[in-house]
C-alpha cells in the first residue's frame, strides 16, 4: 500500500477551495518563502515542535533523550539538537504533550479513512478534500494514489501547489484533480528568488502548461506588505493570470504572522521583517487590479 508523510489533517476548512473541506497537509516543499505560513511542512523529514504554552518545565524530555548532554542545563530540552535521531522518545515522555512529532507516515487507506468521516459535510456544502503542504507534489506517487482513491469515492478534490515541481508530475495528476489552487507569488524573477529561494521560470511555465489542459484553476496571490503589494507587482501578476486559459478566479490571501510563531516552535530563526496584515483598503485595491484585468477576484479562499 502506497504511503507518505502527513503533518496535519485539518477538518472543517473553508479557505482551501469551495464548500467545507478536509485539508491533508503533506511534508516537503522546494521553496523557502520568508512569509511561509506552514514552515513545519518545508522539510521532507519528521520534525519535533515545542508548544511552549503547554510546557511545565519538568525535564522529562531531557531525562529521556540519550543526546541530552549536547544541550547542558535543566528543564526543557532544545528541539534542534544536532544529533537528534527523531526517535520520538522525548515526545512520548512529555506528560503535558508540549513536545510533539510533526509528520506521520500514513497509508492511502488511513488518509481516506480519516477524510471519509467528513463526507456528510462535503455533500451538504459542495466541499471535498484538498491536498496541500508543503508542496503535495513533492510526494507525487502518494498524491496520485490519494487522488485516485478520492475519485473512487466520488469526492471533490483540490491540489494546492506552488508550481515548483517537474511539469510531467503536475500534468500526471491533472486528470484526477477537480480544482487546482496555484500560487503566484511574484512575477519579477530576481525578487522571487530573493524571497522564496528559487527562480519563478518553472512555476510560470507550469501554470501555462496546466492552463492548456485543465479548465478549473484558482490562482492564489499572497499579499505581503513591502514585498509584492505594489501596483506594478500586482498588475504584472494580473496580466499573466488573465493570459492563462484555465484560470477561473484569483484569490488574494492577506499576510498573517502565524508562521513566525511556528518557526519559533520548531527552533528556527525568523528572517522576515516585522510586518502587519495589509489594511482593508490595500486588500480591496489589490482585488480591483485583478478585476480590471477581467478576472474574478476575491479575498481569501
C-alpha atoms as a PDB file:
ATOM      1  CA  UNK A   1       0.000   0.000   0.000  1.00  0.00           C
ATOM      2  CA  UNK A   2       1.358   3.418  -1.015  1.00  0.00           C
ATOM      3  CA  UNK A   3       2.288   5.591   1.964  1.00  0.00           C
ATOM      4  CA  UNK A   4       3.624   9.080   2.604  1.00  0.00           C
ATOM      5  CA  UNK A   5       4.452  11.631   5.281  1.00  0.00           C
ATOM      6  CA  UNK A   6       1.483  13.715   6.507  1.00  0.00           C
ATOM      7  CA  UNK A   7       1.876  16.518   9.046  1.00  0.00           C
ATOM      8  CA  UNK A   8      -1.744  17.547   9.543  1.00  0.00           C
ATOM      9  CA  UNK A   9      -5.311  16.699   8.589  1.00  0.00           C
ATOM     10  CA  UNK A  10      -7.447  19.788   9.123  1.00  0.00           C
ATOM     11  CA  UNK A  11     -11.187  19.361   9.266  1.00  0.00           C
ATOM     12  CA  UNK A  12     -13.873  21.928   8.566  1.00  0.00           C
ATOM     13  CA  UNK A  13     -11.588  24.029   6.381  1.00  0.00           C
ATOM     14  CA  UNK A  14     -13.321  26.849   4.489  1.00  0.00           C
ATOM     15  CA  UNK A  15     -10.292  28.542   2.916  1.00  0.00           C
ATOM     16  CA  UNK A  16      -8.884  25.787   0.684  1.00  0.00           C
ATOM     17  CA  UNK A  17     -11.466  25.565  -2.075  1.00  0.00           C
ATOM     18  CA  UNK A  18     -15.260  25.537  -2.317  1.00  0.00           C
ATOM     19  CA  UNK A  19     -17.522  24.385   0.490  1.00  0.00           C
ATOM     20  CA  UNK A  20     -16.460  22.706   3.701  1.00  0.00           C
ATOM     21  CA  UNK A  21     -13.278  20.732   3.118  1.00  0.00           C
ATOM     22  CA  UNK A  22     -10.812  18.446   4.810  1.00  0.00           C
ATOM     23  CA  UNK A  23      -7.262  19.557   4.051  1.00  0.00           C
ATOM     24  CA  UNK A  24      -4.482  16.975   4.074  1.00  0.00           C
ATOM     25  CA  UNK A  25      -1.030  18.511   4.506  1.00  0.00           C
ATOM     26  CA  UNK A  26       1.917  16.574   3.046  1.00  0.00           C
ATOM     27  CA  UNK A  27       5.539  17.095   4.093  1.00  0.00           C
ATOM     28  CA  UNK A  28       8.166  18.665   1.844  1.00  0.00           C
ATOM     29  CA  UNK A  29       8.461  21.891  -0.166  1.00  0.00           C
ATOM     30  CA  UNK A  30      11.058  23.087  -2.727  1.00  0.00           C
ATOM     31  CA  UNK A  31      10.599  26.772  -1.815  1.00  0.00           C
ATOM     32  CA  UNK A  32      11.713  28.721   1.244  1.00  0.00           C
ATOM     33  CA  UNK A  33       9.279  31.654   1.302  1.00  0.00           C
ATOM     34  CA  UNK A  34      10.207  34.076   4.071  1.00  0.00           C
ATOM     35  CA  UNK A  35       6.492  34.534   4.911  1.00  0.00           C
ATOM     36  CA  UNK A  36       5.685  30.793   4.900  1.00  0.00           C
ATOM     37  CA  UNK A  37       2.592  30.029   6.976  1.00  0.00           C
ATOM     38  CA  UNK A  38       3.401  26.314   7.293  1.00  0.00           C
ATOM     39  CA  UNK A  39       7.163  26.077   7.994  1.00  0.00           C
ATOM     40  CA  UNK A  40       6.566  22.681   9.574  1.00  0.00           C
ATOM     41  CA  UNK A  41       5.759  21.457   6.047  1.00  0.00           C
ATOM     42  CA  UNK A  42       9.041  22.506   4.398  1.00  0.00           C
ATOM     43  CA  UNK A  43      11.327  19.667   5.463  1.00  0.00           C
ATOM     44  CA  UNK A  44      10.822  16.221   3.936  1.00  0.00           C
ATOM     45  CA  UNK A  45      11.669  14.690   7.308  1.00  0.00           C
ATOM     46  CA  UNK A  46       9.747  14.473  10.532  1.00  0.00           C
ATOM     47  CA  UNK A  47      10.419  17.294  12.988  1.00  0.00           C
ATOM     48  CA  UNK A  48       9.866  17.998  16.657  1.00  0.00           C
ATOM     49  CA  UNK A  49       7.823  21.035  17.655  1.00  0.00           C
ATOM     50  CA  UNK A  50       7.603  22.604  21.073  1.00  0.00           C
ATOM     51  CA  UNK A  51       4.352  24.169  22.318  1.00  0.00           C
ATOM     52  CA  UNK A  52       5.787  26.427  24.990  1.00  0.00           C
ATOM     53  CA  UNK A  53       2.401  27.332  26.457  1.00  0.00           C
ATOM     54  CA  UNK A  54       1.879  23.665  27.401  1.00  0.00           C
ATOM     55  CA  UNK A  55       5.379  23.015  28.790  1.00  0.00           C
ATOM     56  CA  UNK A  56       5.554  22.608  32.577  1.00  0.00           C
ATOM     57  CA  UNK A  57       9.360  22.549  32.700  1.00  0.00           C
ATOM     58  CA  UNK A  58       9.511  19.113  34.318  1.00  0.00           C
ATOM     59  CA  UNK A  59      12.581  17.964  32.371  1.00  0.00           C
ATOM     60  CA  UNK A  60      11.166  14.530  31.470  1.00  0.00           C
ATOM     61  CA  UNK A  61      12.139  15.116  27.830  1.00  0.00           C
ATOM     62  CA  UNK A  62      15.739  15.744  28.920  1.00  0.00           C
ATOM     63  CA  UNK A  63      15.872  12.612  31.044  1.00  0.00           C
ATOM     64  CA  UNK A  64      14.514  10.502  28.180  1.00  0.00           C
ATOM     65  CA  UNK A  65      16.912  11.749  25.476  1.00  0.00           C
ATOM     66  CA  UNK A  66      20.260   9.977  25.157  1.00  0.00           C
ATOM     67  CA  UNK A  67      21.724  13.063  23.467  1.00  0.00           C
ATOM     68  CA  UNK A  68      20.686  15.500  26.209  1.00  0.00           C
ATOM     69  CA  UNK A  69      24.318  16.236  27.117  1.00  0.00           C
ATOM     70  CA  UNK A  70      24.509  18.196  23.852  1.00  0.00           C
ATOM     71  CA  UNK A  71      22.215  20.785  25.475  1.00  0.00           C
ATOM     72  CA  UNK A  72      23.566  21.393  29.012  1.00  0.00           C
ATOM     73  CA  UNK A  73      21.210  22.683  31.681  1.00  0.00           C
ATOM     74  CA  UNK A  74      17.949  21.696  33.284  1.00  0.00           C
ATOM     75  CA  UNK A  75      14.296  21.807  32.316  1.00  0.00           C
ATOM     76  CA  UNK A  76      13.079  21.731  28.738  1.00  0.00           C
ATOM     77  CA  UNK A  77      15.317  20.232  26.069  1.00  0.00           C
ATOM     78  CA  UNK A  78      16.029  22.137  22.852  1.00  0.00           C
ATOM     79  CA  UNK A  79      14.095  20.999  19.763  1.00  0.00           C
ATOM     80  CA  UNK A  80      17.130  21.477  17.482  1.00  0.00           C
ATOM     81  CA  UNK A  81      19.726  19.046  18.812  1.00  0.00           C
ATOM     82  CA  UNK A  82      22.308  18.320  16.129  1.00  0.00           C
ATOM     83  CA  UNK A  83      22.479  14.613  16.988  1.00  0.00           C
ATOM     84  CA  UNK A  84      18.697  14.162  17.182  1.00  0.00           C
ATOM     85  CA  UNK A  85      17.610  10.882  15.580  1.00  0.00           C
ATOM     86  CA  UNK A  86      13.887  11.792  15.599  1.00  0.00           C
ATOM     87  CA  UNK A  87      13.159   8.675  17.589  1.00  0.00           C
ATOM     88  CA  UNK A  88      10.300  10.431  19.399  1.00  0.00           C
ATOM     89  CA  UNK A  89      11.239   9.197  22.883  1.00  0.00           C
ATOM     90  CA  UNK A  90      11.282  12.753  24.254  1.00  0.00           C
ATOM     91  CA  UNK A  91       7.759  13.360  22.869  1.00  0.00           C
ATOM     92  CA  UNK A  92       6.469  10.156  24.445  1.00  0.00           C
ATOM     93  CA  UNK A  93       7.987  11.178  27.777  1.00  0.00           C
ATOM     94  CA  UNK A  94       6.340  14.619  27.841  1.00  0.00           C
ATOM     95  CA  UNK A  95       3.408  14.471  30.311  1.00  0.00           C
ATOM     96  CA  UNK A  96       1.776  17.676  29.033  1.00  0.00           C
ATOM     97  CA  UNK A  97       2.101  16.838  25.298  1.00  0.00           C
ATOM     98  CA  UNK A  98       4.022  20.065  24.792  1.00  0.00           C
ATOM     99  CA  UNK A  99       6.608  18.233  22.711  1.00  0.00           C
ATOM    100  CA  UNK A 100       5.217  16.702  19.536  1.00  0.00           C
ATOM    101  CA  UNK A 101       6.460  14.922  16.441  1.00  0.00           C
ATOM    102  CA  UNK A 102       5.430  16.720  13.261  1.00  0.00           C
ATOM    103  CA  UNK A 103       4.977  14.233  10.462  1.00  0.00           C
ATOM    104  CA  UNK A 104       3.316  10.815  10.449  1.00  0.00           C
ATOM    105  CA  UNK A 105       3.783   8.008   7.955  1.00  0.00           C
ATOM    106  CA  UNK A 106       0.299   7.151   6.700  1.00  0.00           C
ATOM    107  CA  UNK A 107      -1.051   4.808   4.041  1.00  0.00           C
ATOM    108  CA  UNK A 108      -3.571   5.856   1.418  1.00  0.00           C
ATOM    109  CA  UNK A 109      -6.187   3.771   3.217  1.00  0.00           C
ATOM    110  CA  UNK A 110      -5.525   5.566   6.514  1.00  0.00           C
ATOM    111  CA  UNK A 111      -5.848   9.009   4.928  1.00  0.00           C
ATOM    112  CA  UNK A 112      -9.038   8.035   3.108  1.00  0.00           C
ATOM    113  CA  UNK A 113     -10.494   6.609   6.300  1.00  0.00           C
ATOM    114  CA  UNK A 114      -9.843   9.951   8.011  1.00  0.00           C
ATOM    115  CA  UNK A 115     -11.356  12.148   5.277  1.00  0.00           C
ATOM    116  CA  UNK A 116     -14.388   9.939   4.697  1.00  0.00           C
ATOM    117  CA  UNK A 117     -15.582  10.728   8.217  1.00  0.00           C
ATOM    118  CA  UNK A 118     -16.436  14.169   6.849  1.00  0.00           C
ATOM    119  CA  UNK A 119     -18.327  13.032   3.761  1.00  0.00           C
ATOM    120  CA  UNK A 120     -21.642  14.401   5.077  1.00  0.00           C
ATOM    121  CA  UNK A 121     -20.123  17.899   5.309  1.00  0.00           C
ATOM    122  CA  UNK A 122     -18.838  17.654   1.740  1.00  0.00           C
ATOM    123  CA  UNK A 123     -22.231  16.608   0.434  1.00  0.00           C
ATOM    124  CA  UNK A 124     -24.122  19.360   2.253  1.00  0.00           C
ATOM    125  CA  UNK A 125     -21.729  22.184   1.314  1.00  0.00           C
ATOM    126  CA  UNK A 126     -20.311  21.227  -2.078  1.00  0.00           C
ATOM    127  CA  UNK A 127     -16.912  20.675  -0.446  1.00  0.00           C
ATOM    128  CA  UNK A 128     -14.342  17.933  -0.621  1.00  0.00           C
ATOM    129  CA  UNK A 129     -10.698  17.128   0.018  1.00  0.00           C
ATOM    130  CA  UNK A 130      -7.757  19.484  -0.540  1.00  0.00           C
ATOM    131  CA  UNK A 131      -4.171  18.247  -0.656  1.00  0.00           C
ATOM    132  CA  UNK A 132      -1.728  20.891   0.484  1.00  0.00           C
ATOM    133  CA  UNK A 133       1.611  21.181   2.232  1.00  0.00           C
ATOM    134  CA  UNK A 134       4.382  21.973   1.939  1.00  0.00           C
ATOM    135  CA  UNK A 135       4.080  21.012  -1.673  1.00  0.00           C
ATOM    136  CA  UNK A 136       1.954  17.863  -2.145  1.00  0.00           C
ATOM    137  CA  UNK A 137       3.669  17.052  -5.444  1.00  0.00           C
ATOM    138  CA  UNK A 138       6.930  16.522  -3.565  1.00  0.00           C
ATOM    139  CA  UNK A 139       5.339  13.118  -2.862  1.00  0.00           C
ATOM    140  CA  UNK A 140       3.952  12.524  -6.384  1.00  0.00           C
ATOM    141  CA  UNK A 141       3.123   8.823  -6.245  1.00  0.00           C
ATOM    142  CA  UNK A 142       1.465   9.149  -2.842  1.00  0.00           C
ATOM    143  CA  UNK A 143      -0.562  12.128  -4.054  1.00  0.00           C
ATOM    144  CA  UNK A 144      -1.597  10.329  -7.214  1.00  0.00           C
ATOM    145  CA  UNK A 145      -2.781   7.341  -5.193  1.00  0.00           C
ATOM    146  CA  UNK A 146      -4.717   9.604  -2.812  1.00  0.00           C
ATOM    147  CA  UNK A 147      -6.405  11.401  -5.700  1.00  0.00           C
ATOM    148  CA  UNK A 148      -7.338   8.094  -7.303  1.00  0.00           C
ATOM    149  CA  UNK A 149      -8.791   6.868  -4.009  1.00  0.00           C
ATOM    150  CA  UNK A 150     -10.867  10.046  -3.706  1.00  0.00           C
ATOM    151  CA  UNK A 151     -12.056   9.638  -7.280  1.00  0.00           C
ATOM    152  CA  UNK A 152     -13.228   6.114  -6.486  1.00  0.00           C
ATOM    153  CA  UNK A 153     -15.185   7.537  -3.528  1.00  0.00           C
ATOM    154  CA  UNK A 154     -16.593  10.360  -5.710  1.00  0.00           C
ATOM    155  CA  UNK A 155     -15.042  13.065  -3.545  1.00  0.00           C
ATOM    156  CA  UNK A 156     -14.285  16.503  -4.987  1.00  0.00           C
ATOM    157  CA  UNK A 157     -10.510  17.054  -4.973  1.00  0.00           C
ATOM    158  CA  UNK A 158      -8.276  20.112  -4.959  1.00  0.00           C
ATOM    159  CA  UNK A 159      -4.485  20.297  -5.142  1.00  0.00           C
ATOM    160  CA  UNK A 160      -2.781  23.343  -3.638  1.00  0.00           C
ATOM    161  CA  UNK A 161       0.570  23.734  -5.401  1.00  0.00           C
ATOM    162  CA  UNK A 162       3.416  26.249  -5.511  1.00  0.00           C
ATOM    163  CA  UNK A 163       4.124  25.070  -9.072  1.00  0.00           C
ATOM    164  CA  UNK A 164       7.831  24.455  -8.424  1.00  0.00           C
ATOM    165  CA  UNK A 165       7.784  20.832  -9.488  1.00  0.00           C
ATOM    166  CA  UNK A 166       8.502  18.790 -12.602  1.00  0.00           C
ATOM    167  CA  UNK A 167       5.975  19.597 -15.313  1.00  0.00           C
ATOM    168  CA  UNK A 168       5.330  15.922 -16.030  1.00  0.00           C
ATOM    169  CA  UNK A 169       4.448  15.298 -12.373  1.00  0.00           C
ATOM    170  CA  UNK A 170       1.994  18.204 -12.376  1.00  0.00           C
ATOM    171  CA  UNK A 171       0.300  17.129 -15.590  1.00  0.00           C
ATOM    172  CA  UNK A 172       0.185  13.499 -14.426  1.00  0.00           C
ATOM    173  CA  UNK A 173      -2.343  14.399 -11.703  1.00  0.00           C
ATOM    174  CA  UNK A 174      -4.364  16.865 -13.797  1.00  0.00           C
ATOM    175  CA  UNK A 175      -6.987  14.341 -14.878  1.00  0.00           C
ATOM    176  CA  UNK A 176      -7.526  13.200 -11.269  1.00  0.00           C
ATOM    177  CA  UNK A 177      -7.888  16.716  -9.823  1.00  0.00           C
ATOM    178  CA  UNK A 178     -11.127  18.712  -9.916  1.00  0.00           C
ATOM    179  CA  UNK A 179      -9.553  22.023  -8.876  1.00  0.00           C
ATOM    180  CA  UNK A 180      -6.020  23.419  -8.748  1.00  0.00           C
ATOM    181  CA  UNK A 181      -5.087  26.140  -6.271  1.00  0.00           C
ATOM    182  CA  UNK A 182      -1.943  27.559  -7.890  1.00  0.00           C
ATOM    183  CA  UNK A 183       0.267  30.034  -6.031  1.00  0.00           C
ATOM    184  CA  UNK A 184       1.518  33.089  -7.916  1.00  0.00           C
ATOM    185  CA  UNK A 185       3.783  34.923  -5.510  1.00  0.00           C
ATOM    186  CA  UNK A 186       5.944  37.318  -7.535  1.00  0.00           C
ATOM    187  CA  UNK A 187       6.366  37.922 -11.256  1.00  0.00           C
ATOM    188  CA  UNK A 188       9.811  39.568 -11.125  1.00  0.00           C
ATOM    189  CA  UNK A 189      12.378  36.766 -11.175  1.00  0.00           C
ATOM    190  CA  UNK A 190      15.066  38.397  -9.017  1.00  0.00           C
ATOM    191  CA  UNK A 191      12.586  39.324  -6.299  1.00  0.00           C
ATOM    192  CA  UNK A 192      11.039  35.853  -6.459  1.00  0.00           C
ATOM    193  CA  UNK A 193      14.443  34.234  -5.944  1.00  0.00           C
ATOM    194  CA  UNK A 194      15.256  36.608  -3.096  1.00  0.00           C
ATOM    195  CA  UNK A 195      12.100  35.927  -1.123  1.00  0.00           C
ATOM    196  CA  UNK A 196      11.385  32.279  -1.994  1.00  0.00           C
ATOM    197  CA  UNK A 197      14.842  30.864  -2.664  1.00  0.00           C
ATOM    198  CA  UNK A 198      14.202  29.943  -6.307  1.00  0.00           C
ATOM    199  CA  UNK A 199      13.558  31.415  -9.753  1.00  0.00           C
ATOM    200  CA  UNK A 200       9.945  31.530 -10.923  1.00  0.00           C
ATOM    201  CA  UNK A 201      10.668  30.411 -14.501  1.00  0.00           C
ATOM    202  CA  UNK A 202       9.480  26.838 -13.979  1.00  0.00           C
ATOM    203  CA  UNK A 203       6.464  27.998 -11.969  1.00  0.00           C
ATOM    204  CA  UNK A 204       5.252  30.301 -14.740  1.00  0.00           C
ATOM    205  CA  UNK A 205       5.827  27.653 -17.400  1.00  0.00           C
ATOM    206  CA  UNK A 206       3.912  25.121 -15.325  1.00  0.00           C
ATOM    207  CA  UNK A 207       0.946  27.429 -14.819  1.00  0.00           C
ATOM    208  CA  UNK A 208       0.698  27.969 -18.564  1.00  0.00           C
ATOM    209  CA  UNK A 209       1.103  24.241 -19.283  1.00  0.00           C
ATOM    210  CA  UNK A 210      -1.553  23.376 -16.718  1.00  0.00           C
ATOM    211  CA  UNK A 211      -3.919  26.002 -18.109  1.00  0.00           C
ATOM    212  CA  UNK A 212      -3.691  24.342 -21.511  1.00  0.00           C
ATOM    213  CA  UNK A 213      -5.037  21.022 -20.173  1.00  0.00           C
ATOM    214  CA  UNK A 214      -7.130  21.925 -17.115  1.00  0.00           C
ATOM    215  CA  UNK A 215     -10.169  24.189 -17.012  1.00  0.00           C
ATOM    216  CA  UNK A 216     -10.516  24.884 -13.297  1.00  0.00           C
ATOM    217  CA  UNK A 217      -7.578  26.791 -11.779  1.00  0.00           C
ATOM    218  CA  UNK A 218      -7.740  29.282  -8.950  1.00  0.00           C
ATOM    219  CA  UNK A 219      -4.648  31.455  -8.811  1.00  0.00           C
ATOM    220  CA  UNK A 220      -3.725  32.352  -5.232  1.00  0.00           C
ATOM    221  CA  UNK A 221      -1.718  35.524  -4.621  1.00  0.00           C
ATOM    222  CA  UNK A 222      -0.360  36.085  -1.100  1.00  0.00           C
ATOM    223  CA  UNK A 223      -0.438  39.814  -0.356  1.00  0.00           C
ATOM    224  CA  UNK A 224       2.776  40.554   1.554  1.00  0.00           C
ATOM    225  CA  UNK A 225       3.276  44.212   2.578  1.00  0.00           C
ATOM    226  CA  UNK A 226       6.502  45.666   1.234  1.00  0.00           C
ATOM    227  CA  UNK A 227       7.248  42.616  -0.928  1.00  0.00           C
ATOM    228  CA  UNK A 228       4.588  42.098  -3.598  1.00  0.00           C
ATOM    229  CA  UNK A 229       1.859  44.640  -2.795  1.00  0.00           C
ATOM    230  CA  UNK A 230       2.890  47.410  -5.198  1.00  0.00           C
ATOM    231  CA  UNK A 231       0.620  48.282  -8.109  1.00  0.00           C
ATOM    232  CA  UNK A 232       3.357  47.256 -10.564  1.00  0.00           C
ATOM    233  CA  UNK A 233       3.799  43.823  -8.986  1.00  0.00           C
ATOM    234  CA  UNK A 234       0.072  43.144  -8.803  1.00  0.00           C
ATOM    235  CA  UNK A 235      -0.597  44.409 -12.332  1.00  0.00           C
ATOM    236  CA  UNK A 236       2.121  42.100 -13.683  1.00  0.00           C
ATOM    237  CA  UNK A 237       0.529  39.154 -11.871  1.00  0.00           C
ATOM    238  CA  UNK A 238      -2.903  40.148 -13.183  1.00  0.00           C
ATOM    239  CA  UNK A 239      -1.673  40.341 -16.778  1.00  0.00           C
ATOM    240  CA  UNK A 240      -0.110  36.907 -16.569  1.00  0.00           C
ATOM    241  CA  UNK A 241      -3.049  35.254 -14.798  1.00  0.00           C
ATOM    242  CA  UNK A 242      -5.506  36.692 -17.320  1.00  0.00           C
ATOM    243  CA  UNK A 243      -3.474  35.148 -20.156  1.00  0.00           C
ATOM    244  CA  UNK A 244      -3.885  31.609 -18.801  1.00  0.00           C
ATOM    245  CA  UNK A 245      -6.818  29.830 -20.376  1.00  0.00           C
ATOM    246  CA  UNK A 246      -7.808  27.644 -17.430  1.00  0.00           C
ATOM    247  CA  UNK A 247      -7.815  30.326 -14.714  1.00  0.00           C
ATOM    248  CA  UNK A 248     -11.299  30.786 -13.281  1.00  0.00           C
ATOM    249  CA  UNK A 249     -10.615  33.160 -10.382  1.00  0.00           C
ATOM    250  CA  UNK A 250      -7.919  34.821  -8.289  1.00  0.00           C
ATOM    251  CA  UNK A 251      -7.795  34.574  -4.513  1.00  0.00           C
ATOM    252  CA  UNK A 252      -5.836  37.328  -2.767  1.00  0.00           C
ATOM    253  CA  UNK A 253      -4.557  35.988   0.549  1.00  0.00           C
ATOM    254  CA  UNK A 254      -3.679  38.697   3.089  1.00  0.00           C
ATOM    255  CA  UNK A 255      -0.497  38.110   5.069  1.00  0.00           C
ATOM    256  CA  UNK A 256      -0.780  36.990   8.680  1.00  0.00           C
ATOM    257  CA  UNK A 257       2.030  36.225  11.105  1.00  0.00           C
ATOM    258  CA  UNK A 258       1.155  32.701  12.261  1.00  0.00           C
ATOM    259  CA  UNK A 259       4.238  31.317  10.511  1.00  0.00           C
ATOM    260  CA  UNK A 260       6.523  33.367  12.770  1.00  0.00           C
ATOM    261  CA  UNK A 261       5.288  31.615  15.901  1.00  0.00           C
ATOM    262  CA  UNK A 262       5.502  28.228  14.182  1.00  0.00           C
ATOM    263  CA  UNK A 263       9.175  28.832  13.331  1.00  0.00           C
ATOM    264  CA  UNK A 264       9.863  29.561  16.978  1.00  0.00           C
ATOM    265  CA  UNK A 265       8.214  26.278  17.969  1.00  0.00           C
ATOM    266  CA  UNK A 266      10.487  24.474  15.513  1.00  0.00           C
ATOM    267  CA  UNK A 267      13.530  26.216  16.985  1.00  0.00           C
ATOM    268  CA  UNK A 268      14.160  28.083  13.720  1.00  0.00           C
ATOM    269  CA  UNK A 269      15.293  31.653  13.235  1.00  0.00           C
ATOM    270  CA  UNK A 270      12.984  34.133  11.530  1.00  0.00           C
ATOM    271  CA  UNK A 271      14.271  36.157   8.540  1.00  0.00           C
ATOM    272  CA  UNK A 272      11.010  38.003   7.953  1.00  0.00           C
ATOM    273  CA  UNK A 273      10.979  41.688   8.930  1.00  0.00           C
ATOM    274  CA  UNK A 274       8.244  42.822  11.295  1.00  0.00           C
ATOM    275  CA  UNK A 275       5.111  43.008   9.143  1.00  0.00           C
ATOM    276  CA  UNK A 276       1.449  43.658   9.766  1.00  0.00           C
ATOM    277  CA  UNK A 277      -1.520  42.305   7.808  1.00  0.00           C
ATOM    278  CA  UNK A 278      -2.452  44.547   4.868  1.00  0.00           C
ATOM    279  CA  UNK A 279      -5.007  47.269   5.551  1.00  0.00           C
ATOM    280  CA  UNK A 280      -8.547  46.617   4.253  1.00  0.00           C
ATOM    281  CA  UNK A 281      -8.144  49.314   1.601  1.00  0.00           C
ATOM    282  CA  UNK A 282      -4.901  47.693   0.360  1.00  0.00           C
ATOM    283  CA  UNK A 283      -6.654  44.339   0.054  1.00  0.00           C
ATOM    284  CA  UNK A 284      -9.575  45.932  -1.778  1.00  0.00           C
ATOM    285  CA  UNK A 285      -7.160  47.739  -4.117  1.00  0.00           C
ATOM    286  CA  UNK A 286      -5.385  44.506  -4.963  1.00  0.00           C
ATOM    287  CA  UNK A 287      -8.662  42.791  -5.783  1.00  0.00           C
ATOM    288  CA  UNK A 288      -9.636  45.713  -8.002  1.00  0.00           C
ATOM    289  CA  UNK A 289      -6.414  45.359 -10.013  1.00  0.00           C
ATOM    290  CA  UNK A 290      -7.251  41.744 -10.849  1.00  0.00           C
ATOM    291  CA  UNK A 291     -10.843  42.612 -11.657  1.00  0.00           C
ATOM    292  CA  UNK A 292      -9.674  45.314 -14.088  1.00  0.00           C
ATOM    293  CA  UNK A 293      -7.739  42.597 -15.900  1.00  0.00           C
ATOM    294  CA  UNK A 294     -11.022  40.746 -16.461  1.00  0.00           C
ATOM    295  CA  UNK A 295     -10.582  38.224 -13.662  1.00  0.00           C
ATOM    296  CA  UNK A 296     -12.997  37.215 -10.942  1.00  0.00           C
ATOM    297  CA  UNK A 297     -11.195  38.049  -7.690  1.00  0.00           C
ATOM    298  CA  UNK A 298     -11.914  37.729  -4.004  1.00  0.00           C
ATOM    299  CA  UNK A 299     -10.169  37.890  -0.645  1.00  0.00           C
ATOM    300  CA  UNK A 300      -9.220  34.560   0.912  1.00  0.00           C
ATOM    301  CA  UNK A 301     -10.331  31.130  -0.212  1.00  0.00           C
END
